[in-house]
Amino acid sequence: MWRNALLGEVAEVKSDGLMVDIAQERTVFIKFTENTLFPAGSDFNKGDYIQVIGEWEKEVFNAHVLQTTGQRRQRMKGPRREN
């Protein structure tokens, strides 16, 4: 798990986001915002594997870009941003 990106399996679909099972047997809430981008569409189902870039706000992960991967451990492509 990275600080600004997550990979996981959708456990529950909600109107304002997704409950996602990530590493270390942890479930987090991925929140949709008015600025969230969905490059592959926004039709998510329980069991889908997703990748998301965003930022933490306490225990909630606010999504900037969110898409299904089709595979469990697919890596996101692009340069790593240093903070």
C-alpha atoms as a PDB file:
ATOM      1  CA  MET A   1       0.000   0.000   0.000  1.00  0.00           C
ATOM      2  CA  TRP A   2       1.336   3.424  -0.944  1.00  0.00           C
ATOM      3  CA  ARG A   3       0.550   6.766   0.620  1.00  0.00           C
ATOM      4  CA  ASN A   4      -1.409   8.111  -2.382  1.00  0.00           C
ATOM      5  CA  ALA A   5      -2.515   4.956  -4.244  1.00  0.00           C
ATOM      6  CA  LEU A   6      -4.371   1.775  -3.328  1.00  0.00           C
ATOM      7  CA  LEU A   7      -5.164  -1.575  -4.947  1.00  0.00           C
ATOM      8  CA  GLY A   8      -7.971  -3.739  -3.659  1.00  0.00           C
ATOM      9  CA  GLU A   9     -11.167  -5.719  -4.091  1.00  0.00           C
ATOM     10  CA  VAL A  10     -14.591  -4.078  -3.875  1.00  0.00           C
ATOM     11  CA  ALA A  11     -16.426  -5.432  -0.817  1.00  0.00           C
ATOM     12  CA  GLU A  12     -19.468  -3.139  -1.030  1.00  0.00           C
ATOM     13  CA  VAL A  13     -20.783  -0.496  -3.419  1.00  0.00           C
ATOM     14  CA  LYS A  14     -22.323   2.627  -1.820  1.00  0.00           C
ATOM     15  CA  SER A  15     -23.862   5.731  -3.402  1.00  0.00           C
ATOM     16  CA  ASP A  16     -20.905   7.939  -2.391  1.00  0.00           C
ATOM     17  CA  GLY A  17     -18.042   5.452  -2.648  1.00  0.00           C
ATOM     18  CA  LEU A  18     -16.765   1.918  -2.225  1.00  0.00           C
ATOM     19  CA  MET A  19     -15.766  -0.268   0.706  1.00  0.00           C
ATOM     20  CA  VAL A  20     -12.559  -1.926  -0.500  1.00  0.00           C
ATOM     21  CA  ASP A  21     -10.524  -4.790   0.952  1.00  0.00           C
ATOM     22  CA  ILE A  22      -6.836  -3.892   0.712  1.00  0.00           C
ATOM     23  CA  ALA A  23      -3.621  -5.501   2.002  1.00  0.00           C
ATOM     24  CA  GLN A  24      -3.203  -6.583   5.617  1.00  0.00           C
ATOM     25  CA  GLU A  25      -6.863  -7.746   5.817  1.00  0.00           C
ATOM     26  CA  ARG A  26      -8.020  -4.131   6.097  1.00  0.00           C
ATOM     27  CA  THR A  27     -11.178  -2.602   4.610  1.00  0.00           C
ATOM     28  CA  VAL A  28     -11.236   1.113   3.778  1.00  0.00           C
ATOM     29  CA  PHE A  29     -13.841   3.518   2.434  1.00  0.00           C
ATOM     30  CA  ILE A  30     -12.955   5.031  -0.947  1.00  0.00           C
ATOM     31  CA  LYS A  31     -14.980   8.229  -1.259  1.00  0.00           C
ATOM     32  CA  PHE A  32     -16.118   9.654  -4.600  1.00  0.00           C
ATOM     33  CA  THR A  33     -15.786  13.431  -4.891  1.00  0.00           C
ATOM     34  CA  GLU A  34     -17.174  15.823  -7.479  1.00  0.00           C
ATOM     35  CA  ASN A  35     -13.707  15.780  -9.083  1.00  0.00           C
ATOM     36  CA  THR A  36     -13.138  11.994  -9.152  1.00  0.00           C
ATOM     37  CA  LEU A  37     -12.171  10.758 -12.617  1.00  0.00           C
ATOM     38  CA  PHE A  38     -13.398   7.354 -13.862  1.00  0.00           C
ATOM     39  CA  PRO A  39     -11.307   6.570 -17.014  1.00  0.00           C
ATOM     40  CA  ALA A  40     -12.964   3.156 -17.500  1.00  0.00           C
ATOM     41  CA  GLY A  41     -16.450   4.130 -16.278  1.00  0.00           C
ATOM     42  CA  SER A  42     -18.092   4.178 -12.864  1.00  0.00           C
ATOM     43  CA  ASP A  43     -19.979   0.874 -12.898  1.00  0.00           C
ATOM     44  CA  PHE A  44     -18.405  -1.035  -9.987  1.00  0.00           C
ATOM     45  CA  ASN A  45     -19.534  -4.383  -8.573  1.00  0.00           C
ATOM     46  CA  LYS A  46     -18.652  -6.443  -5.520  1.00  0.00           C
ATOM     47  CA  GLY A  47     -15.576  -8.521  -6.358  1.00  0.00           C
ATOM     48  CA  ASP A  48     -14.092  -6.044  -8.862  1.00  0.00           C
ATOM     49  CA  TYR A  49     -10.410  -5.279  -8.423  1.00  0.00           C
ATOM     50  CA  ILE A  50      -9.746  -1.550  -8.467  1.00  0.00           C
ATOM     51  CA  GLN A  51      -6.823   0.829  -8.458  1.00  0.00           C
ATOM     52  CA  VAL A  52      -7.231   4.323  -7.083  1.00  0.00           C
ATOM     53  CA  ILE A  53      -5.080   7.424  -6.720  1.00  0.00           C
ATOM     54  CA  GLY A  54      -6.120   9.922  -4.096  1.00  0.00           C
ATOM     55  CA  GLU A  55      -5.399  11.173  -0.622  1.00  0.00           C
ATOM     56  CA  TRP A  56      -6.159  10.209   2.955  1.00  0.00           C
ATOM     57  CA  GLU A  57      -8.457  12.307   5.128  1.00  0.00           C
ATOM     58  CA  LYS A  58      -8.285  10.532   8.506  1.00  0.00           C
ATOM     59  CA  GLU A  59      -9.666   7.010   7.831  1.00  0.00           C
ATOM     60  CA  VAL A  60     -11.280   7.886   4.454  1.00  0.00           C
ATOM     61  CA  PHE A  61      -9.426   7.734   1.122  1.00  0.00           C
ATOM     62  CA  ASN A  62     -10.689  10.491  -1.237  1.00  0.00           C
ATOM     63  CA  ALA A  63     -10.468   9.248  -4.828  1.00  0.00           C
ATOM     64  CA  HIS A  64      -8.931  11.426  -7.538  1.00  0.00           C
ATOM     65  CA  VAL A  65      -8.739   8.672 -10.205  1.00  0.00           C
ATOM     66  CA  LEU A  66     -10.481   5.302  -9.870  1.00  0.00           C
ATOM     67  CA  GLN A  67     -10.757   2.352 -12.259  1.00  0.00           C
ATOM     68  CA  THR A  68     -11.092  -1.419 -12.367  1.00  0.00           C
ATOM     69  CA  THR A  69      -7.948  -3.388 -13.101  1.00  0.00           C
ATOM     70  CA  GLY A  70      -9.225  -6.783 -14.223  1.00  0.00           C
ATOM     71  CA  GLN A  71      -6.385  -8.320 -12.202  1.00  0.00           C
ATOM     72  CA  ARG A  72      -5.665  -8.433  -8.517  1.00  0.00           C
ATOM     73  CA  ARG A  73      -2.131  -7.042  -8.374  1.00  0.00           C
ATOM     74  CA  GLN A  74      -1.780  -4.965 -11.541  1.00  0.00           C
ATOM     75  CA  ARG A  75       0.557  -2.022 -11.120  1.00  0.00           C
ATOM     76  CA  MET A  76      -0.313   1.558 -11.988  1.00  0.00           C
ATOM     77  CA  LYS A  77       1.937   3.021 -14.638  1.00  0.00           C
ATOM     78  CA  GLY A  78       3.581   6.399 -14.431  1.00  0.00           C
ATOM     79  CA  PRO A  79       6.248   8.194 -12.462  1.00  0.00           C
ATOM     80  CA  ARG A  80       6.254   8.061  -8.682  1.00  0.00           C
ATOM     81  CA  ARG A  81       5.690  11.431  -7.064  1.00  0.00           C
ATOM     82  CA  GLU A  82       8.011  12.391  -4.217  1.00  0.00           C
ATOM     83  CA  ASN A  83       6.588  14.469  -1.361  1.00  0.00           C
END
